[in-house]
Amino acid sequence: MHGGDVGAARLPPLFRRLGPGLAGALSLLVFLSLPLVPLLGVLTAILSPLPLVQLLAVSGGTVLGWGWVMIALVGLALATTWPWVLGVAAGYLVVAAWPAFSVELWVWRRWGTGRWLAVVSGGALAVLVGVLIALSHPESPAATVERLLAPSAATSPDLARMLGVSRWAGEAMMASALTAVSALAPAIAALYVAAVALWLRPRLPVLGLPVGREPFAAFSSEEWLPVAFVAGGLGWVFASGLAKWISVNLLVVVVGLYFVHGLAIIHHYLGRRLAANRLVRVVVGVLAVQMPLALVVAAAGLTDTFVPLRRSSRDEEGS
């Protein structure tokens, strides 16, 4: 894509000199905190697409920034017998490169925010499902992930906490949590990528990009998302084997997107003043992710697709 200096005029001089080599190197360095820094890396890796998006603002494209990194990682994987390099390449692709490239597509196609978020999370899910199927064949992907996680879960308290199990929990509870996380690994990772995209969205106008200006309270999910919801639900109920595994992960991602839609409804009713308060947003987010309230929030998002739950000031004046 040739976009020219989309946002270069608004960037500090340091960012105007950001070239593909430096952008790719910085994004890879930040992404590597995800596998190398326990827990904290989950937060810092969110920043990994930012140098690539800054490159988009300067040059109108991101491919040159992340393309050489992917070529180097895949080449290293082919030249060595280190299987973890493929994992790093796949992780970098979905966490750093894909969100940045999706912004480039968004600038080009001018989607609504809901469609862009669906494309980001759906694309990440497709890549992760494909990679896991390819690497685990002929074993089932869920069994492969569980086999890889089991030794670390038994010895790492950090990983156990990420699974939602305390170190004093029984072996049966640990095994149950490990099985669930292994089965839903692609969906969990895809929703993490969606979180990366949501963090990135309000920062795009600051870089001078013509997208991401919509208030979060006005967010609506993709209009075709109910089709994916029905497909995932039917596959979960009636399919078996690999098809059931794919369907369940698809359903979880769709419910996650409807959860974001439901959060936007909550922000709408909080009003601009409360919704702009960072502490209020944190409290609402922490409360909303608690089960079963999270399902209620997602149900509100699904309902708003068919029956509007947000009333504008015009509606109130006319009533």
C-alpha atoms as a PDB file:
ATOM      1  CA  MET A   1       0.000   0.000   0.000  1.00  0.00           C
ATOM      2  CA  HIS A   2       1.240   3.453  -0.861  1.00  0.00           C
ATOM      3  CA  GLY A   3      -0.140   5.887   1.633  1.00  0.00           C
ATOM      4  CA  GLY A   4       2.534   8.540   1.652  1.00  0.00           C
ATOM      5  CA  ASP A   5       3.314  10.317   4.883  1.00  0.00           C
ATOM      6  CA  VAL A   6      -0.058   9.537   6.444  1.00  0.00           C
ATOM      7  CA  GLY A   7       0.786  10.988   9.818  1.00  0.00           C
ATOM      8  CA  ALA A   8       4.369  12.129   9.573  1.00  0.00           C
ATOM      9  CA  ALA A   9       3.513  15.781  10.144  1.00  0.00           C
ATOM     10  CA  ARG A  10       2.187  15.004  13.625  1.00  0.00           C
ATOM     11  CA  LEU A  11       5.059  12.795  14.740  1.00  0.00           C
ATOM     12  CA  PRO A  12       8.113  13.903  16.742  1.00  0.00           C
ATOM     13  CA  PRO A  13      11.348  14.092  14.680  1.00  0.00           C
ATOM     14  CA  LEU A  14      12.614  10.818  16.219  1.00  0.00           C
ATOM     15  CA  PHE A  15       9.632   8.882  14.877  1.00  0.00           C
ATOM     16  CA  ARG A  16       9.889  10.507  11.450  1.00  0.00           C
ATOM     17  CA  ARG A  17      13.300   8.843  11.087  1.00  0.00           C
ATOM     18  CA  LEU A  18      11.905   5.418  12.023  1.00  0.00           C
ATOM     19  CA  GLY A  19      12.817   3.053   9.188  1.00  0.00           C
ATOM     20  CA  PRO A  20      11.754  -0.542   8.474  1.00  0.00           C
ATOM     21  CA  GLY A  21      14.871  -2.044  10.070  1.00  0.00           C
ATOM     22  CA  LEU A  22      14.525  -0.190  13.354  1.00  0.00           C
ATOM     23  CA  ALA A  23      10.742  -0.609  13.487  1.00  0.00           C
ATOM     24  CA  GLY A  24      10.981  -4.372  12.976  1.00  0.00           C
ATOM     25  CA  ALA A  25      13.823  -4.744  15.488  1.00  0.00           C
ATOM     26  CA  LEU A  26      11.994  -2.734  18.163  1.00  0.00           C
ATOM     27  CA  SER A  27       8.748  -4.638  17.667  1.00  0.00           C
ATOM     28  CA  LEU A  28      10.564  -7.992  17.908  1.00  0.00           C
ATOM     29  CA  LEU A  29      12.456  -6.904  21.017  1.00  0.00           C
ATOM     30  CA  VAL A  30       9.253  -5.833  22.769  1.00  0.00           C
ATOM     31  CA  PHE A  31       7.419  -8.993  21.680  1.00  0.00           C
ATOM     32  CA  LEU A  32      10.163 -11.214  23.134  1.00  0.00           C
ATOM     33  CA  SER A  33       9.176  -9.989  26.591  1.00  0.00           C
ATOM     34  CA  LEU A  34       6.063 -12.187  26.241  1.00  0.00           C
ATOM     35  CA  PRO A  35       7.923 -15.539  26.376  1.00  0.00           C
ATOM     36  CA  LEU A  36      10.920 -14.298  28.380  1.00  0.00           C
ATOM     37  CA  VAL A  37       9.364 -12.219  31.181  1.00  0.00           C
ATOM     38  CA  PRO A  38       6.726 -14.146  33.173  1.00  0.00           C
ATOM     39  CA  LEU A  39       3.405 -12.318  33.727  1.00  0.00           C
ATOM     40  CA  LEU A  40       4.850  -8.835  33.111  1.00  0.00           C
ATOM     41  CA  GLY A  41       5.565  -9.818  29.510  1.00  0.00           C
ATOM     42  CA  VAL A  42       1.821 -10.210  28.906  1.00  0.00           C
ATOM     43  CA  LEU A  43       1.501  -6.453  29.470  1.00  0.00           C
ATOM     44  CA  THR A  44       4.671  -5.237  27.768  1.00  0.00           C
ATOM     45  CA  ALA A  45       4.116  -7.306  24.598  1.00  0.00           C
ATOM     46  CA  ILE A  46       0.978  -5.243  23.935  1.00  0.00           C
ATOM     47  CA  LEU A  47       3.364  -2.487  22.827  1.00  0.00           C
ATOM     48  CA  SER A  48       4.982  -4.626  20.112  1.00  0.00           C
ATOM     49  CA  PRO A  49       2.835  -3.446  17.144  1.00  0.00           C
ATOM     50  CA  LEU A  50       3.425   0.233  18.007  1.00  0.00           C
ATOM     51  CA  PRO A  51       6.768   0.709  16.144  1.00  0.00           C
ATOM     52  CA  LEU A  52       5.198  -0.883  13.056  1.00  0.00           C
ATOM     53  CA  VAL A  53       2.155   1.392  13.258  1.00  0.00           C
ATOM     54  CA  GLN A  54       4.507   4.371  13.629  1.00  0.00           C
ATOM     55  CA  LEU A  55       6.226   3.147  10.454  1.00  0.00           C
ATOM     56  CA  LEU A  56       2.796   3.123   8.772  1.00  0.00           C
ATOM     57  CA  ALA A  57       2.265   6.734   9.828  1.00  0.00           C
ATOM     58  CA  VAL A  58       5.647   7.706   8.384  1.00  0.00           C
ATOM     59  CA  SER A  59       5.829   5.656   5.174  1.00  0.00           C
ATOM     60  CA  GLY A  60       2.297   4.430   4.509  1.00  0.00           C
ATOM     61  CA  GLY A  61       3.070   0.717   4.999  1.00  0.00           C
ATOM     62  CA  THR A  62       4.095  -1.887   7.569  1.00  0.00           C
ATOM     63  CA  VAL A  63       5.188  -4.886   5.478  1.00  0.00           C
ATOM     64  CA  LEU A  64       8.814  -3.811   5.158  1.00  0.00           C
ATOM     65  CA  GLY A  65       9.013  -3.499   8.945  1.00  0.00           C
ATOM     66  CA  TRP A  66       7.716  -6.916   9.948  1.00  0.00           C
ATOM     67  CA  GLY A  67       8.476  -8.741   6.705  1.00  0.00           C
ATOM     68  CA  TRP A  68      12.245  -8.966   7.227  1.00  0.00           C
ATOM     69  CA  VAL A  69      11.718 -10.164  10.813  1.00  0.00           C
ATOM     70  CA  MET A  70       9.462 -12.994   9.632  1.00  0.00           C
ATOM     71  CA  ILE A  71      11.911 -13.957   6.883  1.00  0.00           C
ATOM     72  CA  ALA A  72      14.759 -14.030   9.404  1.00  0.00           C
ATOM     73  CA  LEU A  73      12.794 -16.113  11.929  1.00  0.00           C
ATOM     74  CA  VAL A  74      11.518 -18.618   9.353  1.00  0.00           C
ATOM     75  CA  GLY A  75      14.997 -18.884   7.836  1.00  0.00           C
ATOM     76  CA  LEU A  76      16.479 -19.523  11.275  1.00  0.00           C
ATOM     77  CA  ALA A  77      13.852 -22.195  11.913  1.00  0.00           C
ATOM     78  CA  LEU A  78      14.673 -23.934   8.628  1.00  0.00           C
ATOM     79  CA  ALA A  79      18.423 -23.711   9.173  1.00  0.00           C
ATOM     80  CA  THR A  80      18.371 -25.093  12.712  1.00  0.00           C
ATOM     81  CA  THR A  81      16.657 -27.819  14.718  1.00  0.00           C
ATOM     82  CA  TRP A  82      15.227 -25.390  17.279  1.00  0.00           C
ATOM     83  CA  PRO A  83      11.446 -25.915  17.318  1.00  0.00           C
ATOM     84  CA  TRP A  84      10.896 -22.904  19.580  1.00  0.00           C
ATOM     85  CA  VAL A  85      11.876 -20.564  16.725  1.00  0.00           C
ATOM     86  CA  LEU A  86       8.678 -21.510  14.883  1.00  0.00           C
ATOM     87  CA  GLY A  87       6.718 -20.664  18.011  1.00  0.00           C
ATOM     88  CA  VAL A  88       8.407 -17.263  18.206  1.00  0.00           C
ATOM     89  CA  ALA A  89       7.697 -16.649  14.507  1.00  0.00           C
ATOM     90  CA  ALA A  90       4.009 -17.564  14.874  1.00  0.00           C
ATOM     91  CA  GLY A  91       3.691 -15.489  18.037  1.00  0.00           C
ATOM     92  CA  TYR A  92       5.355 -12.455  16.474  1.00  0.00           C
ATOM     93  CA  LEU A  93       3.114 -12.770  13.427  1.00  0.00           C
ATOM     94  CA  VAL A  94      -0.165 -12.731  15.367  1.00  0.00           C
ATOM     95  CA  VAL A  95       0.764 -10.394  18.254  1.00  0.00           C
ATOM     96  CA  ALA A  96       2.898  -7.748  16.511  1.00  0.00           C
ATOM     97  CA  ALA A  97       2.751  -8.019  12.722  1.00  0.00           C
ATOM     98  CA  TRP A  98      -0.919  -8.867  12.191  1.00  0.00           C
ATOM     99  CA  PRO A  99      -2.426  -6.088  14.378  1.00  0.00           C
ATOM    100  CA  ALA A 100      -0.161  -3.544  12.668  1.00  0.00           C
ATOM    101  CA  PHE A 101      -0.979  -4.820   9.180  1.00  0.00           C
ATOM    102  CA  SER A 102      -4.695  -4.861  10.055  1.00  0.00           C
ATOM    103  CA  VAL A 103      -4.441  -1.131  10.796  1.00  0.00           C
ATOM    104  CA  GLU A 104      -2.955  -0.690   7.327  1.00  0.00           C
ATOM    105  CA  LEU A 105      -5.932  -2.580   5.871  1.00  0.00           C
ATOM    106  CA  TRP A 106      -8.272  -0.489   8.010  1.00  0.00           C
ATOM    107  CA  VAL A 107      -6.818   2.756   6.650  1.00  0.00           C
ATOM    108  CA  TRP A 108      -7.207   1.394   3.140  1.00  0.00           C
ATOM    109  CA  ARG A 109     -10.693  -0.144   3.429  1.00  0.00           C
ATOM    110  CA  ARG A 110     -12.181   2.239   6.043  1.00  0.00           C
ATOM    111  CA  TRP A 111     -14.083  -0.489   7.884  1.00  0.00           C
ATOM    112  CA  GLY A 112     -16.156   0.176  10.954  1.00  0.00           C
ATOM    113  CA  THR A 113     -14.340  -0.467  14.225  1.00  0.00           C
ATOM    114  CA  GLY A 114     -16.398  -3.599  14.883  1.00  0.00           C
ATOM    115  CA  ARG A 115     -15.429  -5.152  11.558  1.00  0.00           C
ATOM    116  CA  TRP A 116     -11.765  -4.277  12.077  1.00  0.00           C
ATOM    117  CA  LEU A 117     -11.739  -5.936  15.515  1.00  0.00           C
ATOM    118  CA  ALA A 118     -13.485  -9.008  14.091  1.00  0.00           C
ATOM    119  CA  VAL A 119     -10.887  -9.209  11.303  1.00  0.00           C
ATOM    120  CA  VAL A 120      -8.021  -8.876  13.790  1.00  0.00           C
ATOM    121  CA  SER A 121      -9.287 -11.570  16.168  1.00  0.00           C
ATOM    122  CA  GLY A 122     -10.600 -13.860  13.418  1.00  0.00           C
ATOM    123  CA  GLY A 123      -7.352 -13.682  11.476  1.00  0.00           C
ATOM    124  CA  ALA A 124      -5.330 -14.429  14.600  1.00  0.00           C
ATOM    125  CA  LEU A 125      -7.583 -17.392  15.401  1.00  0.00           C
ATOM    126  CA  ALA A 126      -7.239 -18.787  11.872  1.00  0.00           C
ATOM    127  CA  VAL A 127      -3.420 -18.557  11.974  1.00  0.00           C
ATOM    128  CA  LEU A 128      -3.185 -20.117  15.437  1.00  0.00           C
ATOM    129  CA  VAL A 129      -5.561 -22.962  14.603  1.00  0.00           C
ATOM    130  CA  GLY A 130      -3.666 -23.687  11.387  1.00  0.00           C
ATOM    131  CA  VAL A 131      -0.252 -23.641  13.079  1.00  0.00           C
ATOM    132  CA  LEU A 132      -1.395 -25.906  15.922  1.00  0.00           C
ATOM    133  CA  ILE A 133      -2.990 -28.401  13.542  1.00  0.00           C
ATOM    134  CA  ALA A 134       0.152 -28.494  11.380  1.00  0.00           C
ATOM    135  CA  LEU A 135       2.578 -28.863  14.294  1.00  0.00           C
ATOM    136  CA  SER A 136       0.535 -31.416  16.247  1.00  0.00           C
ATOM    137  CA  HIS A 137      -0.492 -33.782  13.434  1.00  0.00           C
ATOM    138  CA  PRO A 138      -1.396 -36.631  13.860  1.00  0.00           C
ATOM    139  CA  GLU A 139      -2.004 -35.850  17.552  1.00  0.00           C
ATOM    140  CA  SER A 140      -4.927 -33.593  18.460  1.00  0.00           C
ATOM    141  CA  PRO A 141      -3.920 -29.921  18.947  1.00  0.00           C
ATOM    142  CA  ALA A 142      -5.442 -29.737  22.440  1.00  0.00           C
ATOM    143  CA  ALA A 143      -3.519 -32.840  23.554  1.00  0.00           C
ATOM    144  CA  THR A 144      -0.276 -31.408  22.164  1.00  0.00           C
ATOM    145  CA  VAL A 145      -0.725 -28.098  23.994  1.00  0.00           C
ATOM    146  CA  GLU A 146      -1.589 -29.918  27.219  1.00  0.00           C
ATOM    147  CA  ARG A 147       1.487 -32.121  26.911  1.00  0.00           C
ATOM    148  CA  LEU A 148       3.695 -29.061  26.417  1.00  0.00           C
ATOM    149  CA  LEU A 149       2.153 -27.097  29.288  1.00  0.00           C
ATOM    150  CA  ALA A 150       1.943 -29.912  31.837  1.00  0.00           C
ATOM    151  CA  PRO A 151       5.622 -29.917  32.998  1.00  0.00           C
ATOM    152  CA  SER A 152       5.694 -26.120  33.333  1.00  0.00           C
ATOM    153  CA  ALA A 153       2.357 -26.015  35.161  1.00  0.00           C
ATOM    154  CA  ALA A 154       3.644 -28.518  37.710  1.00  0.00           C
ATOM    155  CA  THR A 155       6.808 -26.531  38.487  1.00  0.00           C
ATOM    156  CA  SER A 156       5.910 -22.889  37.772  1.00  0.00           C
ATOM    157  CA  PRO A 157       3.676 -21.005  40.238  1.00  0.00           C
ATOM    158  CA  ASP A 158       3.370 -18.140  37.730  1.00  0.00           C
ATOM    159  CA  LEU A 159       1.866 -20.402  35.080  1.00  0.00           C
ATOM    160  CA  ALA A 160      -0.405 -22.003  37.677  1.00  0.00           C
ATOM    161  CA  ARG A 161      -1.743 -18.559  38.611  1.00  0.00           C
ATOM    162  CA  MET A 162      -2.343 -17.789  34.932  1.00  0.00           C
ATOM    163  CA  LEU A 163      -4.399 -20.988  34.761  1.00  0.00           C
ATOM    164  CA  GLY A 164      -6.477 -19.679  37.660  1.00  0.00           C
ATOM    165  CA  VAL A 165      -5.311 -22.318  40.135  1.00  0.00           C
ATOM    166  CA  SER A 166      -3.484 -21.660  43.413  1.00  0.00           C
ATOM    167  CA  ARG A 167      -0.502 -23.734  44.434  1.00  0.00           C
ATOM    168  CA  TRP A 168      -2.604 -25.260  47.243  1.00  0.00           C
ATOM    169  CA  ALA A 169      -5.248 -26.581  44.843  1.00  0.00           C
ATOM    170  CA  GLY A 170      -5.572 -30.297  44.337  1.00  0.00           C
ATOM    171  CA  GLU A 171      -4.133 -32.178  41.398  1.00  0.00           C
ATOM    172  CA  ALA A 172      -7.609 -32.809  39.977  1.00  0.00           C
ATOM    173  CA  MET A 173      -8.367 -29.074  39.822  1.00  0.00           C
ATOM    174  CA  MET A 174      -4.994 -28.345  38.232  1.00  0.00           C
ATOM    175  CA  ALA A 175      -5.545 -31.075  35.639  1.00  0.00           C
ATOM    176  CA  SER A 176      -9.045 -29.767  34.866  1.00  0.00           C
ATOM    177  CA  ALA A 177      -7.800 -26.189  34.427  1.00  0.00           C
ATOM    178  CA  LEU A 178      -4.893 -27.376  32.267  1.00  0.00           C
ATOM    179  CA  THR A 179      -7.246 -29.361  30.019  1.00  0.00           C
ATOM    180  CA  ALA A 180      -9.600 -26.404  29.594  1.00  0.00           C
ATOM    181  CA  VAL A 181      -6.814 -23.938  28.817  1.00  0.00           C
ATOM    182  CA  SER A 182      -5.189 -26.371  26.379  1.00  0.00           C
ATOM    183  CA  ALA A 183      -8.464 -26.868  24.510  1.00  0.00           C
ATOM    184  CA  LEU A 184      -9.117 -23.118  24.319  1.00  0.00           C
ATOM    185  CA  ALA A 185      -5.522 -22.004  23.698  1.00  0.00           C
ATOM    186  CA  PRO A 186      -6.190 -20.530  20.202  1.00  0.00           C
ATOM    187  CA  ALA A 187      -9.234 -18.601  21.430  1.00  0.00           C
ATOM    188  CA  ILE A 188      -7.392 -17.260  24.487  1.00  0.00           C
ATOM    189  CA  ALA A 189      -4.492 -16.129  22.298  1.00  0.00           C
ATOM    190  CA  ALA A 190      -6.852 -14.577  19.710  1.00  0.00           C
ATOM    191  CA  LEU A 191      -8.655 -12.618  22.437  1.00  0.00           C
ATOM    192  CA  TYR A 192      -5.271 -11.420  23.675  1.00  0.00           C
ATOM    193  CA  VAL A 193      -4.587 -10.141  20.157  1.00  0.00           C
ATOM    194  CA  ALA A 194      -7.996  -8.415  20.253  1.00  0.00           C
ATOM    195  CA  ALA A 195      -6.920  -6.751  23.516  1.00  0.00           C
ATOM    196  CA  VAL A 196      -3.708  -5.598  21.798  1.00  0.00           C
ATOM    197  CA  ALA A 197      -5.819  -4.085  19.011  1.00  0.00           C
ATOM    198  CA  LEU A 198      -8.145  -2.355  21.482  1.00  0.00           C
ATOM    199  CA  TRP A 199      -5.156  -0.829  23.257  1.00  0.00           C
ATOM    200  CA  LEU A 200      -3.787   0.341  19.919  1.00  0.00           C
ATOM    201  CA  ARG A 201      -7.044   1.821  18.564  1.00  0.00           C
ATOM    202  CA  PRO A 202      -7.267   5.119  20.540  1.00  0.00           C
ATOM    203  CA  ARG A 203      -3.589   5.822  19.832  1.00  0.00           C
ATOM    204  CA  LEU A 204      -3.979   5.722  16.046  1.00  0.00           C
ATOM    205  CA  PRO A 205      -5.346   9.293  15.679  1.00  0.00           C
ATOM    206  CA  VAL A 206      -2.440  10.557  17.813  1.00  0.00           C
ATOM    207  CA  LEU A 207      -0.117   9.191  15.118  1.00  0.00           C
ATOM    208  CA  GLY A 208      -2.120  11.035  12.464  1.00  0.00           C
ATOM    209  CA  LEU A 209      -3.914   7.975  11.081  1.00  0.00           C
ATOM    210  CA  PRO A 210      -7.494   8.555   9.869  1.00  0.00           C
ATOM    211  CA  VAL A 211      -9.012   5.668  11.871  1.00  0.00           C
ATOM    212  CA  GLY A 212      -9.809   4.936  15.507  1.00  0.00           C
ATOM    213  CA  ARG A 213     -11.569   8.228  16.221  1.00  0.00           C
ATOM    214  CA  GLU A 214     -14.897   6.625  17.176  1.00  0.00           C
ATOM    215  CA  PRO A 215     -15.656   6.851  20.932  1.00  0.00           C
ATOM    216  CA  PHE A 216     -15.563   3.443  22.606  1.00  0.00           C
ATOM    217  CA  ALA A 217     -19.108   4.017  23.904  1.00  0.00           C
ATOM    218  CA  ALA A 218     -20.301   3.967  20.268  1.00  0.00           C
ATOM    219  CA  PHE A 219     -18.600   0.651  19.448  1.00  0.00           C
ATOM    220  CA  SER A 220     -20.796  -1.986  17.774  1.00  0.00           C
ATOM    221  CA  SER A 221     -19.725  -5.471  16.779  1.00  0.00           C
ATOM    222  CA  GLU A 222     -19.526  -6.685  13.190  1.00  0.00           C
ATOM    223  CA  GLU A 223     -22.993  -7.145  11.652  1.00  0.00           C
ATOM    224  CA  TRP A 224     -22.117 -10.622  10.337  1.00  0.00           C
ATOM    225  CA  LEU A 225     -20.868 -11.816  13.723  1.00  0.00           C
ATOM    226  CA  PRO A 226     -24.159 -13.643  14.529  1.00  0.00           C
ATOM    227  CA  VAL A 227     -23.381 -16.017  11.647  1.00  0.00           C
ATOM    228  CA  ALA A 228     -20.103 -16.998  13.320  1.00  0.00           C
ATOM    229  CA  PHE A 229     -21.931 -17.271  16.649  1.00  0.00           C
ATOM    230  CA  VAL A 230     -24.474 -19.724  15.191  1.00  0.00           C
ATOM    231  CA  ALA A 231     -21.771 -21.688  13.321  1.00  0.00           C
ATOM    232  CA  GLY A 232     -19.642 -22.019  16.445  1.00  0.00           C
ATOM    233  CA  GLY A 233     -22.616 -23.007  18.587  1.00  0.00           C
ATOM    234  CA  LEU A 234     -23.869 -25.644  16.149  1.00  0.00           C
ATOM    235  CA  GLY A 235     -20.362 -27.059  15.743  1.00  0.00           C
ATOM    236  CA  TRP A 236     -19.941 -27.226  19.514  1.00  0.00           C
ATOM    237  CA  VAL A 237     -23.194 -29.176  19.906  1.00  0.00           C
ATOM    238  CA  PHE A 238     -23.174 -31.449  16.873  1.00  0.00           C
ATOM    239  CA  ALA A 239     -19.587 -31.750  15.597  1.00  0.00           C
ATOM    240  CA  SER A 240     -16.872 -34.025  16.937  1.00  0.00           C
ATOM    241  CA  GLY A 241     -13.105 -34.291  16.936  1.00  0.00           C
ATOM    242  CA  LEU A 242     -11.166 -31.534  15.206  1.00  0.00           C
ATOM    243  CA  ALA A 243     -14.296 -29.765  13.908  1.00  0.00           C
ATOM    244  CA  LYS A 244     -15.687 -29.523  17.437  1.00  0.00           C
ATOM    245  CA  TRP A 245     -12.394 -28.099  18.727  1.00  0.00           C
ATOM    246  CA  ILE A 246     -12.384 -25.418  16.004  1.00  0.00           C
ATOM    247  CA  SER A 247     -16.053 -24.597  16.646  1.00  0.00           C
ATOM    248  CA  VAL A 248     -15.587 -24.189  20.391  1.00  0.00           C
ATOM    249  CA  ASN A 249     -12.649 -21.831  19.888  1.00  0.00           C
ATOM    250  CA  LEU A 250     -14.616 -19.838  17.304  1.00  0.00           C
ATOM    251  CA  LEU A 251     -17.555 -19.566  19.721  1.00  0.00           C
ATOM    252  CA  VAL A 252     -15.346 -18.337  22.558  1.00  0.00           C
ATOM    253  CA  VAL A 253     -13.807 -15.638  20.349  1.00  0.00           C
ATOM    254  CA  VAL A 254     -17.241 -14.473  19.171  1.00  0.00           C
ATOM    255  CA  VAL A 255     -18.517 -14.318  22.763  1.00  0.00           C
ATOM    256  CA  GLY A 256     -15.402 -12.302  23.629  1.00  0.00           C
ATOM    257  CA  LEU A 257     -16.197  -9.804  20.871  1.00  0.00           C
ATOM    258  CA  TYR A 258     -19.768  -9.502  22.136  1.00  0.00           C
ATOM    259  CA  PHE A 259     -18.311  -8.901  25.606  1.00  0.00           C
ATOM    260  CA  VAL A 260     -16.432  -5.892  24.186  1.00  0.00           C
ATOM    261  CA  HIS A 261     -19.721  -4.722  22.644  1.00  0.00           C
ATOM    262  CA  GLY A 262     -21.393  -5.079  26.049  1.00  0.00           C
ATOM    263  CA  LEU A 263     -18.628  -3.050  27.704  1.00  0.00           C
ATOM    264  CA  ALA A 264     -19.266  -0.285  25.176  1.00  0.00           C
ATOM    265  CA  ILE A 265     -22.936  -0.249  26.230  1.00  0.00           C
ATOM    266  CA  ILE A 266     -21.874   0.132  29.873  1.00  0.00           C
ATOM    267  CA  HIS A 267     -19.585   3.029  28.900  1.00  0.00           C
ATOM    268  CA  HIS A 268     -22.470   4.626  27.018  1.00  0.00           C
ATOM    269  CA  TYR A 269     -24.607   4.710  30.145  1.00  0.00           C
ATOM    270  CA  LEU A 270     -21.741   5.849  32.345  1.00  0.00           C
ATOM    271  CA  GLY A 271     -21.596   9.031  30.323  1.00  0.00           C
ATOM    272  CA  ARG A 272     -18.531  10.877  29.049  1.00  0.00           C
ATOM    273  CA  ARG A 273     -17.432  12.154  32.434  1.00  0.00           C
ATOM    274  CA  LEU A 274     -17.397   8.824  34.275  1.00  0.00           C
ATOM    275  CA  ALA A 275     -16.243   6.817  31.265  1.00  0.00           C
ATOM    276  CA  ALA A 276     -13.234   9.130  30.907  1.00  0.00           C
ATOM    277  CA  ASN A 277     -12.151   8.371  34.494  1.00  0.00           C
ATOM    278  CA  ARG A 278      -9.407   5.730  34.386  1.00  0.00           C
ATOM    279  CA  LEU A 279     -10.243   4.370  37.833  1.00  0.00           C
ATOM    280  CA  VAL A 280     -13.902   3.929  36.877  1.00  0.00           C
ATOM    281  CA  ARG A 281     -12.887   2.069  33.713  1.00  0.00           C
ATOM    282  CA  VAL A 282     -10.618  -0.265  35.684  1.00  0.00           C
ATOM    283  CA  VAL A 283     -13.317  -1.003  38.268  1.00  0.00           C
ATOM    284  CA  VAL A 284     -15.922  -1.650  35.552  1.00  0.00           C
ATOM    285  CA  GLY A 285     -13.500  -3.914  33.675  1.00  0.00           C
ATOM    286  CA  VAL A 286     -12.559  -5.934  36.766  1.00  0.00           C
ATOM    287  CA  LEU A 287     -16.202  -6.411  37.750  1.00  0.00           C
ATOM    288  CA  ALA A 288     -17.339  -7.209  34.207  1.00  0.00           C
ATOM    289  CA  VAL A 289     -14.905 -10.102  33.688  1.00  0.00           C
ATOM    290  CA  GLN A 290     -16.221 -11.963  36.738  1.00  0.00           C
ATOM    291  CA  MET A 291     -18.348 -14.983  35.961  1.00  0.00           C
ATOM    292  CA  PRO A 292     -21.284 -15.152  35.377  1.00  0.00           C
ATOM    293  CA  LEU A 293     -21.440 -11.354  34.938  1.00  0.00           C
ATOM    294  CA  ALA A 294     -19.142 -11.603  31.907  1.00  0.00           C
ATOM    295  CA  LEU A 295     -21.743 -13.725  30.112  1.00  0.00           C
ATOM    296  CA  VAL A 296     -24.430 -11.159  30.959  1.00  0.00           C
ATOM    297  CA  VAL A 297     -22.278  -8.392  29.456  1.00  0.00           C
ATOM    298  CA  ALA A 298     -21.695 -10.491  26.319  1.00  0.00           C
ATOM    299  CA  ALA A 299     -25.440 -11.230  26.105  1.00  0.00           C
ATOM    300  CA  ALA A 300     -26.105  -7.475  26.206  1.00  0.00           C
ATOM    301  CA  GLY A 301     -23.730  -7.021  23.274  1.00  0.00           C
ATOM    302  CA  LEU A 302     -25.479  -9.764  21.297  1.00  0.00           C
ATOM    303  CA  THR A 303     -28.913  -8.327  22.098  1.00  0.00           C
ATOM    304  CA  ASP A 304     -27.848  -4.838  20.986  1.00  0.00           C
ATOM    305  CA  THR A 305     -27.107  -6.276  17.550  1.00  0.00           C
ATOM    306  CA  PHE A 306     -30.825  -6.922  17.020  1.00  0.00           C
ATOM    307  CA  VAL A 307     -32.568  -4.633  19.554  1.00  0.00           C
ATOM    308  CA  PRO A 308     -30.791  -1.312  20.205  1.00  0.00           C
ATOM    309  CA  LEU A 309     -30.048  -0.912  23.902  1.00  0.00           C
ATOM    310  CA  ARG A 310     -28.385   2.500  23.618  1.00  0.00           C
ATOM    311  CA  ARG A 311     -30.637   5.513  23.260  1.00  0.00           C
ATOM    312  CA  SER A 312     -29.250   8.654  21.697  1.00  0.00           C
ATOM    313  CA  SER A 313     -30.146  12.150  22.857  1.00  0.00           C
ATOM    314  CA  ARG A 314     -32.434  12.436  19.824  1.00  0.00           C
ATOM    315  CA  ASP A 315     -34.345   9.342  20.890  1.00  0.00           C
ATOM    316  CA  GLU A 316     -34.806  10.750  24.375  1.00  0.00           C
ATOM    317  CA  GLU A 317     -36.054  14.089  23.005  1.00  0.00           C
ATOM    318  CA  GLY A 318     -38.547  12.352  20.759  1.00  0.00           C
ATOM    319  CA  SER A 319     -39.933  10.094  23.468  1.00  0.00           C
END
